[in-house]
């Protein structure tokens, strides 16, 4: 094909340069070291109202090195790989490291925790070889195929102001090695398309709808669904009205539910725990949440976004429980924070967290569903009455206390059926109480998301109208 720009990946010469960095660092005063080489290429085509607006290509190559010297620790990076330049860089880095305050907790992981099978970077099936044959013309054609501007036709009750779309593909390649013998590689591609439609109604009010698709594999993105769905989302907001405040059952759509899952998972991070900046401090091993709530980290999900064989220290990942039947099973504590906390080290963070589907006993009378069949409509029917949240408009939460305040938009529903769109509502509370009140989780998480957070339902949430 014309204009094909093949991604060569990390070369043998670059791997040799990384190994040389380790050897040179050890011979120049470092007691231990870790080095990584990362390469990334991203191409994107942006459209405005059905026409190409911007074409871009970004390429990056970075060498990073973690140095341990005289009980001190430092991390440095450069994009220069030539032998003499990198040796000067490392020598200066070691000198600066030795000037830092000693930290007895800094160390490489125990070698028996390393991943052993990440040899080629292709083991998890995250690299799509069709990427190598994509031309600039292919990318433009893919972007244009997702546009409906000018083809939607006249519609009663609204008009289209603008359509913004973007097609992008990228490839990431990472090689890591350390002075204790670890070597690992991770390579993956990513393909995505998003669309944002802005419309006006008969009153001149504007509404915006958004939709996206993403996957490590080119043939698993559905470009054609994005603009029509974004348009539907915008139209559905017309006629929105203010809603009285109160305590309602809150159902959160899977496209925005990660906004509430992120504070929960971040609160289990070892750095937050150690710095007393987590509302889940002291929760390890404790049963805090409902029996039905189980969140797993499925790090070894072959071919799925977020999968990885090793973390940023080279430690082997595994499919494991984060929260099991309401009990906190793990903190994400790397070698350093585990040592400071005096606990067993784990991986540095979740890879592909998955909330297991459930509907709490007593809420789903006369409803039939299976593990693969708890969709948004099923949850609405089980909850019967409340507010469906489809988007968040700003807000914040306190990491230490868990208190939050978020602006939301969405729809009121009654008897499991949506009645009208609502606007200018605010939810308040604290994350611990919120997650203790979780009453349902669907099986409709977005496939292209690293965090597999489905539609969720919570009871007795405070809404301000």
Protein backbone atom coordinates (compact mmCIF):
# COMPACT_ATOMS: atom_id res chain seq x y z
CA UNK A 1 0.00 0.00 0.00
CA UNK A 2 1.04 3.59 -0.53
CA UNK A 3 2.33 5.66 2.37
CA UNK A 4 2.56 2.69 4.74
CA UNK A 5 4.78 3.56 7.73
CA UNK A 6 5.65 0.29 9.45
CA UNK A 7 6.38 0.31 13.17
CA UNK A 8 9.73 -1.40 13.65
CA UNK A 9 9.40 -1.85 17.41
CA UNK A 10 12.30 -1.92 19.81
CA UNK A 11 15.38 -3.04 17.91
CA UNK A 12 18.09 -5.45 18.99
CA UNK A 13 20.46 -2.48 19.08
CA UNK A 14 18.19 -0.67 21.55
CA UNK A 15 17.94 -3.76 23.73
CA UNK A 16 21.72 -4.02 23.68
CA UNK A 17 21.94 -0.35 24.64
CA UNK A 18 19.63 -0.98 27.61
CA UNK A 19 21.75 -3.92 28.78
CA UNK A 20 24.87 -1.78 28.41
CA UNK A 21 23.24 0.86 30.63
CA UNK A 22 22.83 -1.72 33.39
CA UNK A 23 26.41 -2.88 33.13
CA UNK A 24 27.76 0.66 33.03
CA UNK A 25 25.63 1.76 35.99
CA UNK A 26 26.90 -1.13 38.13
CA UNK A 27 30.49 -0.47 37.15
CA UNK A 28 30.09 3.25 37.93
CA UNK A 29 28.87 3.05 41.53
CA UNK A 30 25.28 1.82 41.47
CA UNK A 31 24.55 -1.20 43.65
CA UNK A 32 21.42 -2.14 41.68
CA UNK A 33 19.56 -0.75 38.67
CA UNK A 34 16.52 -1.14 36.47
CA UNK A 35 16.27 0.10 32.89
CA UNK A 36 13.41 0.28 30.42
CA UNK A 37 13.02 1.31 26.79
CA UNK A 38 9.62 2.48 25.60
CA UNK A 39 8.57 3.29 22.04
CA UNK A 40 5.19 4.64 20.97
CA UNK A 41 3.68 5.71 17.66
CA UNK A 42 0.19 7.20 17.37
CA UNK A 43 -1.65 8.34 14.25
CA UNK A 44 -4.94 10.23 14.35
CA UNK A 45 -7.39 11.71 11.88
CA UNK A 46 -9.77 14.36 13.20
CA UNK A 47 -12.94 15.31 11.36
CA UNK A 48 -15.15 18.36 11.66
CA UNK A 49 -18.56 18.22 10.02
CA UNK A 50 -17.61 15.35 7.75
CA UNK A 51 -14.33 16.81 6.51
CA UNK A 52 -10.73 16.12 7.52
CA UNK A 53 -9.70 18.82 9.98
CA UNK A 54 -6.37 17.57 11.34
CA UNK A 55 -3.93 14.75 10.62
CA UNK A 56 -1.23 14.01 13.17
CA UNK A 57 1.49 11.49 13.94
CA UNK A 58 3.31 11.37 17.27
CA UNK A 59 6.33 9.17 17.88
CA UNK A 60 8.27 8.84 21.09
CA UNK A 61 11.24 6.85 22.35
CA UNK A 62 12.43 6.99 25.97
CA UNK A 63 15.09 5.23 28.00
CA UNK A 64 14.41 5.28 31.75
CA UNK A 65 16.72 4.09 34.50
CA UNK A 66 16.17 3.52 38.22
CA UNK A 67 19.37 3.72 40.25
CA UNK A 68 20.11 2.38 43.73
CA UNK A 69 23.38 3.71 45.17
CA UNK A 70 24.68 4.03 48.74
CA UNK A 71 21.20 3.39 50.16
CA UNK A 72 19.74 6.11 47.97
CA UNK A 73 17.38 5.97 45.01
CA UNK A 74 16.79 8.06 41.89
CA UNK A 75 14.95 7.73 38.59
CA UNK A 76 15.97 9.40 35.34
CA UNK A 77 15.07 9.33 31.64
CA UNK A 78 16.56 10.37 28.31
CA UNK A 79 15.88 9.99 24.60
CA UNK A 80 19.57 9.76 23.71
CA UNK A 81 20.83 6.21 23.14
CA UNK A 82 24.33 6.64 21.73
CA UNK A 83 26.97 4.92 23.85
CA UNK A 84 29.04 7.91 24.91
CA UNK A 85 26.09 10.21 25.59
CA UNK A 86 24.22 7.67 27.67
CA UNK A 87 27.33 6.87 29.70
CA UNK A 88 27.77 10.55 30.57
CA UNK A 89 24.06 10.70 31.43
CA UNK A 90 24.31 7.70 33.78
CA UNK A 91 27.47 8.95 35.46
CA UNK A 92 25.81 12.28 36.27
CA UNK A 93 22.64 10.49 37.41
CA UNK A 94 24.63 8.36 39.87
CA UNK A 95 26.36 11.45 41.24
CA UNK A 96 23.00 13.13 41.82
CA UNK A 97 21.53 9.99 43.37
CA UNK A 98 24.32 9.86 45.93
CA UNK A 99 23.40 13.38 47.02
CA UNK A 100 19.83 12.36 47.94
CA UNK A 101 18.57 11.38 51.39
CA UNK A 102 19.05 7.67 52.17
CA UNK A 103 15.91 5.54 52.08
CA UNK A 104 16.29 2.03 53.49
CA UNK A 105 12.98 0.87 52.02
CA UNK A 106 14.04 1.31 48.38
CA UNK A 107 14.97 -1.96 46.67
CA UNK A 108 14.32 -4.18 43.69
CA UNK A 109 11.69 -6.91 44.12
CA UNK A 110 12.61 -10.36 45.32
CA UNK A 111 13.65 -12.28 42.16
CA UNK A 112 11.15 -15.07 42.86
CA UNK A 113 8.33 -12.58 42.15
CA UNK A 114 9.42 -11.80 38.60
CA UNK A 115 7.42 -12.68 35.49
CA UNK A 116 9.19 -15.38 33.52
CA UNK A 117 7.10 -15.71 30.37
CA UNK A 118 7.18 -12.19 28.89
CA UNK A 119 9.84 -12.91 26.29
CA UNK A 120 8.56 -11.61 22.95
CA UNK A 121 5.90 -9.14 24.14
CA UNK A 122 3.30 -10.96 22.06
CA UNK A 123 2.27 -13.59 24.62
CA UNK A 124 -1.08 -12.00 25.51
CA UNK A 125 -2.26 -11.48 21.94
CA UNK A 126 -2.44 -7.69 22.22
CA UNK A 127 -0.58 -6.91 19.00
CA UNK A 128 -2.60 -6.78 15.78
CA UNK A 129 -0.27 -7.41 12.85
CA UNK A 130 -2.67 -5.74 10.41
CA UNK A 131 -1.39 -2.49 11.94
CA UNK A 132 1.78 -2.88 9.87
CA UNK A 133 -0.16 -2.55 6.61
CA UNK A 134 -2.30 0.51 7.42
CA UNK A 135 -1.66 3.46 5.12
CA UNK A 136 -2.47 7.13 5.56
CA UNK A 137 -5.29 6.68 3.03
CA UNK A 138 -6.68 3.78 5.09
CA UNK A 139 -6.79 5.96 8.18
CA UNK A 140 -8.59 8.79 6.42
CA UNK A 141 -11.07 6.36 4.90
CA UNK A 142 -11.73 4.80 8.32
CA UNK A 143 -12.37 8.21 9.85
CA UNK A 144 -14.69 9.33 7.04
CA UNK A 145 -16.65 6.07 7.26
CA UNK A 146 -17.80 7.07 10.74
CA UNK A 147 -19.24 10.46 9.80
CA UNK A 148 -22.98 11.00 9.32
CA UNK A 149 -22.87 14.78 8.97
CA UNK A 150 -24.90 15.80 5.95
CA UNK A 151 -26.48 12.34 5.72
CA UNK A 152 -28.73 12.46 8.76
CA UNK A 153 -31.39 14.44 6.86
CA UNK A 154 -33.79 17.06 8.24
CA UNK A 155 -35.42 16.14 11.53
CA UNK A 156 -38.33 17.68 13.40
CA UNK A 157 -37.51 19.19 16.75
CA UNK A 158 -33.76 19.57 16.43
CA UNK A 159 -30.91 20.56 14.14
CA UNK A 160 -27.30 19.42 14.00
CA UNK A 161 -24.77 22.10 14.89
CA UNK A 162 -21.60 20.08 14.57
CA UNK A 163 -20.09 16.62 14.40
CA UNK A 164 -16.56 16.04 15.69
CA UNK A 165 -14.92 12.66 15.15
CA UNK A 166 -11.50 11.12 15.55
CA UNK A 167 -9.99 7.87 14.36
CA UNK A 168 -6.68 6.86 15.92
CA UNK A 169 -4.39 3.87 16.09
CA UNK A 170 -1.24 3.37 18.09
CA UNK A 171 1.38 0.84 19.04
CA UNK A 172 3.36 0.65 22.29
CA UNK A 173 6.47 -1.44 22.82
CA UNK A 174 8.29 -1.72 26.15
CA UNK A 175 11.41 -3.66 27.14
CA UNK A 176 12.52 -3.82 30.78
CA UNK A 177 15.55 -5.36 32.48
CA UNK A 178 17.26 -5.09 35.86
CA UNK A 179 20.51 -6.02 37.54
CA UNK A 180 18.99 -9.10 39.21
CA UNK A 181 18.42 -10.80 35.86
CA UNK A 182 14.86 -9.83 35.00
CA UNK A 183 14.01 -9.23 31.35
CA UNK A 184 10.50 -8.65 30.01
CA UNK A 185 8.73 -7.19 27.02
CA UNK A 186 5.17 -5.96 26.39
CA UNK A 187 3.82 -4.96 22.97
CA UNK A 188 0.29 -3.88 22.10
CA UNK A 189 -1.73 -2.03 19.51
CA UNK A 190 -4.81 0.10 20.05
CA UNK A 191 -7.52 1.23 17.64
CA UNK A 192 -10.25 3.70 18.55
CA UNK A 193 -12.92 5.99 17.17
CA UNK A 194 -15.07 8.58 18.94
CA UNK A 195 -17.80 10.96 17.90
CA UNK A 196 -19.36 14.00 19.55
CA UNK A 197 -22.62 15.38 18.14
CA UNK A 198 -23.95 18.82 19.13
CA UNK A 199 -27.55 19.74 18.33
CA UNK A 200 -30.04 22.52 19.05
CA UNK A 201 -33.75 22.17 19.84
CA UNK A 202 -36.73 24.33 18.95
CA UNK A 203 -35.87 26.71 21.80
CA UNK A 204 -32.28 27.13 20.64
CA UNK A 205 -30.85 25.16 23.60
CA UNK A 206 -27.79 23.06 22.83
CA UNK A 207 -27.16 19.44 23.73
CA UNK A 208 -24.16 17.19 23.19
CA UNK A 209 -23.93 13.42 22.87
CA UNK A 210 -20.77 11.29 22.85
CA UNK A 211 -19.89 7.69 21.98
CA UNK A 212 -16.68 5.75 21.39
CA UNK A 213 -15.27 2.34 20.55
CA UNK A 214 -11.80 0.93 21.25
CA UNK A 215 -9.89 -2.35 21.06
CA UNK A 216 -6.37 -3.75 20.67
CA UNK A 217 -7.70 -5.36 17.48
CA UNK A 218 -8.71 -3.44 14.40
CA UNK A 219 -11.62 -5.72 13.46
CA UNK A 220 -13.25 -5.34 16.87
CA UNK A 221 -14.03 -1.62 16.73
CA UNK A 222 -17.45 -0.60 15.45
CA UNK A 223 -16.86 2.78 13.84
CA UNK A 224 -20.28 3.00 12.24
CA UNK A 225 -22.20 2.97 15.52
CA UNK A 226 -20.50 5.97 17.14
CA UNK A 227 -22.03 9.02 15.41
CA UNK A 228 -25.59 7.62 15.29
CA UNK A 229 -25.40 6.69 18.96
CA UNK A 230 -23.89 10.06 19.90
CA UNK A 231 -26.76 11.74 18.04
CA UNK A 232 -29.31 9.61 19.89
CA UNK A 233 -27.69 10.56 23.19
CA UNK A 234 -27.94 14.25 22.33
CA UNK A 235 -31.56 14.02 21.22
CA UNK A 236 -32.54 12.13 24.37
CA UNK A 237 -31.48 15.13 26.48
CA UNK A 238 -33.89 17.57 24.87
CA UNK A 239 -36.71 18.70 27.08
CA UNK A 240 -34.73 18.14 30.27
CA UNK A 241 -36.20 19.69 33.40
CA UNK A 242 -35.17 20.24 36.99
CA UNK A 243 -36.05 17.46 39.42
CA UNK A 244 -36.86 17.76 43.10
CA UNK A 245 -34.10 16.72 45.47
CA UNK A 246 -34.32 13.78 47.85
CA UNK A 247 -32.97 10.31 48.49
CA UNK A 248 -33.34 8.06 45.47
CA UNK A 249 -32.04 4.82 44.06
CA UNK A 250 -29.25 5.78 41.67
CA UNK A 251 -28.44 3.70 38.60
CA UNK A 252 -25.22 4.67 36.80
CA UNK A 253 -24.70 3.84 33.13
CA UNK A 254 -21.66 1.72 32.26
CA UNK A 255 -20.23 4.51 30.09
CA UNK A 256 -19.59 6.66 33.17
CA UNK A 257 -19.65 4.22 36.14
CA UNK A 258 -15.85 4.19 36.36
CA UNK A 259 -16.14 7.71 37.80
CA UNK A 260 -17.39 6.07 41.02
CA UNK A 261 -15.18 2.97 40.84
CA UNK A 262 -11.93 4.94 40.50
CA UNK A 263 -12.03 6.43 44.03
CA UNK A 264 -12.69 2.97 45.47
CA UNK A 265 -9.77 1.30 43.68
CA UNK A 266 -7.44 4.27 44.18
CA UNK A 267 -8.12 4.09 47.91
CA UNK A 268 -6.50 0.62 47.89
CA UNK A 269 -3.23 1.99 46.49
CA UNK A 270 -0.28 1.43 48.80
CA UNK A 271 1.00 5.00 48.46
CA UNK A 272 -2.40 6.41 49.53
CA UNK A 273 -2.55 4.00 52.48
CA UNK A 274 1.00 4.79 53.61
CA UNK A 275 0.44 8.54 53.34
CA UNK A 276 -2.87 8.26 55.23
CA UNK A 277 -4.67 9.69 52.26
CA UNK A 278 -7.22 6.90 51.84
CA UNK A 279 -10.69 6.35 53.23
CA UNK A 280 -9.93 2.59 53.15
CA UNK A 281 -6.91 2.74 55.46
CA UNK A 282 -7.00 -0.26 57.78
CA UNK A 283 -9.50 -2.15 55.62
CA UNK A 284 -7.23 -4.99 54.47
CA UNK A 285 -8.85 -8.31 55.35
CA UNK A 286 -11.98 -6.60 56.63
CA UNK A 287 -15.51 -7.32 55.39
CA UNK A 288 -16.80 -3.84 54.63
CA UNK A 289 -19.07 -4.15 51.62
CA UNK A 290 -22.16 -6.25 50.81
CA UNK A 291 -21.72 -10.01 50.33
CA UNK A 292 -22.64 -9.68 46.67
CA UNK A 293 -19.79 -7.31 45.76
CA UNK A 294 -16.79 -9.00 44.16
CA UNK A 295 -14.16 -7.15 42.13
CA UNK A 296 -11.44 -9.18 40.44
CA UNK A 297 -8.27 -8.15 38.67
CA UNK A 298 -8.18 -10.22 35.48
CA UNK A 299 -4.69 -9.22 34.41
CA UNK A 300 -4.18 -12.26 32.19
CA UNK A 301 -7.22 -11.73 29.94
CA UNK A 302 -5.73 -12.63 26.58
CA UNK A 303 -6.40 -10.12 23.82
CA UNK A 304 -8.19 -7.65 26.11
CA UNK A 305 -7.30 -4.06 26.93
CA UNK A 306 -5.36 -3.74 30.18
CA UNK A 307 -3.93 -7.25 30.21
CA UNK A 308 -0.24 -7.50 31.15
CA UNK A 309 2.20 -10.14 32.35
CA UNK A 310 4.29 -7.86 34.57
CA UNK A 311 4.03 -4.51 36.33
CA UNK A 312 6.40 -1.54 36.42
CA UNK A 313 8.83 -3.52 38.62
CA UNK A 314 8.77 -6.70 36.52
CA UNK A 315 6.61 -8.47 39.11
CA UNK A 316 4.36 -11.18 37.65
CA UNK A 317 0.68 -10.34 37.50
CA UNK A 318 -2.13 -12.84 38.14
CA UNK A 319 -5.89 -13.11 38.05
CA UNK A 320 -6.83 -12.34 41.63
CA UNK A 321 -9.51 -10.98 43.93
CA UNK A 322 -9.44 -7.32 44.92
CA UNK A 323 -12.68 -7.44 46.90
CA UNK A 324 -14.31 -10.83 47.42
CA UNK A 325 -17.83 -11.13 48.76
CA UNK A 326 -17.45 -7.74 50.42
CA UNK A 327 -14.03 -8.41 51.97
CA UNK A 328 -10.98 -6.34 51.00
CA UNK A 329 -8.45 -8.92 49.83
CA UNK A 330 -5.50 -6.77 48.78
CA UNK A 331 -3.79 -3.43 48.72
CA UNK A 332 -1.80 -2.53 45.61
CA UNK A 333 1.58 -2.18 47.28
CA UNK A 334 4.81 -2.31 45.31
CA UNK A 335 8.14 -3.27 46.91
CA UNK A 336 8.70 0.17 48.41
CA UNK A 337 5.28 0.85 49.91
CA UNK A 338 4.87 -2.72 51.12
CA UNK A 339 8.15 -2.37 53.03
CA UNK A 340 7.02 0.91 54.55
CA UNK A 341 3.66 -0.56 55.53
CA UNK A 342 5.09 -3.85 56.74
CA UNK A 343 2.80 -5.92 54.51
CA UNK A 344 3.25 -8.47 51.74
CA UNK A 345 4.11 -6.78 48.43
CA UNK A 346 1.75 -7.15 45.49
CA UNK A 347 1.63 -5.54 42.04
CA UNK A 348 1.75 -1.76 41.63
CA UNK A 349 -1.91 -1.37 40.65
CA UNK A 350 -4.91 -3.03 39.02
CA UNK A 351 -4.50 -4.16 35.41
CA UNK A 352 -8.03 -5.02 34.30
CA UNK A 353 -10.41 -4.71 37.28
CA UNK A 354 -13.75 -6.43 36.69
CA UNK A 355 -16.89 -5.99 38.81
CA UNK A 356 -18.81 -9.26 38.91
CA UNK A 357 -22.51 -8.98 37.98
CA UNK A 358 -25.23 -9.35 40.61
CA UNK A 359 -28.62 -8.10 41.69
CA UNK A 360 -29.15 -8.08 45.42
CA UNK A 361 -31.68 -10.54 46.78
CA UNK A 362 -35.20 -9.19 46.94
CA UNK A 363 -34.74 -6.61 44.19
CA UNK A 364 -35.33 -8.76 41.15
CA UNK A 365 -38.61 -10.54 41.85
CA UNK A 366 -40.07 -12.20 38.75
CA UNK A 367 -37.03 -11.22 36.68
CA UNK A 368 -34.99 -13.84 34.89
CA UNK A 369 -31.33 -13.15 34.25
CA UNK A 370 -27.99 -14.90 34.05
CA UNK A 371 -24.46 -13.77 34.65
CA UNK A 372 -24.26 -12.63 31.03
CA UNK A 373 -27.67 -11.02 30.97
CA UNK A 374 -27.80 -8.26 33.57
CA UNK A 375 -28.08 -5.27 31.29
CA UNK A 376 -29.07 -1.71 32.10
CA UNK A 377 -32.77 -2.34 31.50
CA UNK A 378 -32.74 -5.30 33.88
CA UNK A 379 -31.21 -3.12 36.58
CA UNK A 380 -33.76 -0.34 35.99
CA UNK A 381 -36.59 -2.85 36.31
CA UNK A 382 -35.14 -4.27 39.51
CA UNK A 383 -34.64 -0.82 41.02
CA UNK A 384 -38.13 0.27 39.83
CA UNK A 385 -37.92 4.01 40.65
CA UNK A 386 -35.02 6.44 40.80
CA UNK A 387 -32.50 8.44 38.78
CA UNK A 388 -30.40 7.05 35.95
CA UNK A 389 -27.09 8.90 35.76
CA UNK A 390 -25.60 9.03 32.26
CA UNK A 391 -22.92 11.67 32.83
CA UNK A 392 -21.00 13.65 35.43
CA UNK A 393 -20.56 17.42 35.22
CA UNK A 394 -17.55 18.26 37.35
CA UNK A 395 -17.28 17.77 41.08
CA UNK A 396 -14.67 16.27 43.35
CA UNK A 397 -14.02 13.94 46.27
CA UNK A 398 -11.71 13.93 49.26
CA UNK A 399 -9.33 10.96 49.10
CA UNK A 400 -8.79 10.81 52.83
CA UNK A 401 -12.43 10.99 53.92
CA UNK A 402 -14.20 9.80 50.79
CA UNK A 403 -16.64 12.70 50.84
CA UNK A 404 -17.82 13.63 47.35
CA UNK A 405 -19.97 16.10 45.47
CA UNK A 406 -20.69 15.55 41.76
CA UNK A 407 -22.92 17.28 39.26
CA UNK A 408 -24.89 14.71 37.27
CA UNK A 409 -27.19 14.48 34.28
CA UNK A 410 -29.50 11.70 33.19
CA UNK A 411 -33.09 10.56 33.42
CA UNK A 412 -35.78 9.91 35.98
CA UNK A 413 -37.33 6.45 35.77
CA UNK A 414 -40.48 4.90 37.25
CA UNK A 415 -41.52 1.25 37.26
CA UNK A 416 -38.31 0.50 35.38
CA UNK A 417 -39.13 2.85 32.51
CA UNK A 418 -37.44 6.16 31.70
CA UNK A 419 -39.87 9.04 32.08
CA UNK A 420 -37.94 12.24 31.34
CA UNK A 421 -34.44 13.71 31.18
CA UNK A 422 -33.25 15.67 34.20
CA UNK A 423 -30.58 18.33 34.59
CA UNK A 424 -28.82 20.44 37.21
CA UNK A 425 -28.72 17.76 39.88
CA UNK A 426 -26.01 17.16 42.46
CA UNK A 427 -25.17 13.98 44.37
CA UNK A 428 -23.36 14.16 47.71
CA UNK A 429 -22.16 11.69 50.31
CA UNK A 430 -19.10 9.61 51.09
CA UNK A 431 -17.63 6.79 49.03
CA UNK A 432 -17.60 4.23 51.81
CA UNK A 433 -21.31 4.63 52.53
CA UNK A 434 -22.08 4.74 48.81
CA UNK A 435 -20.37 1.44 48.08
CA UNK A 436 -21.90 -0.16 51.15
CA UNK A 437 -25.25 0.65 49.54
CA UNK A 438 -24.50 -0.97 46.15
CA UNK A 439 -27.45 -3.13 45.15
CA UNK A 440 -26.68 -4.22 41.58
CA UNK A 441 -23.93 -4.53 39.00
CA UNK A 442 -24.51 -5.41 35.37
CA UNK A 443 -22.65 -7.49 32.83
CA UNK A 444 -22.47 -4.66 30.30
CA UNK A 445 -19.02 -3.16 30.85
CA UNK A 446 -17.56 -1.57 27.70
CA UNK A 447 -15.32 -4.16 26.06
CA UNK A 448 -12.70 -1.63 25.01
CA UNK A 449 -12.18 -0.26 28.52
CA UNK A 450 -9.25 -1.30 30.69
CA UNK A 451 -11.47 -0.96 33.75
CA UNK A 452 -14.44 -3.30 33.31
CA UNK A 453 -16.99 -1.34 35.32
CA UNK A 454 -20.60 -2.14 34.33
CA UNK A 455 -23.86 -0.35 35.08
CA UNK A 456 -24.21 0.01 38.85
CA UNK A 457 -27.09 0.72 41.22
CA UNK A 458 -26.92 2.27 44.69
CA UNK A 459 -29.69 2.73 47.23
CA UNK A 460 -30.67 5.92 49.09
CA UNK A 461 -28.34 8.38 47.41
CA UNK A 462 -28.70 12.08 48.29
CA UNK A 463 -29.71 14.19 45.28
CA UNK A 464 -30.00 17.96 45.40
CA UNK A 465 -32.40 19.32 42.78
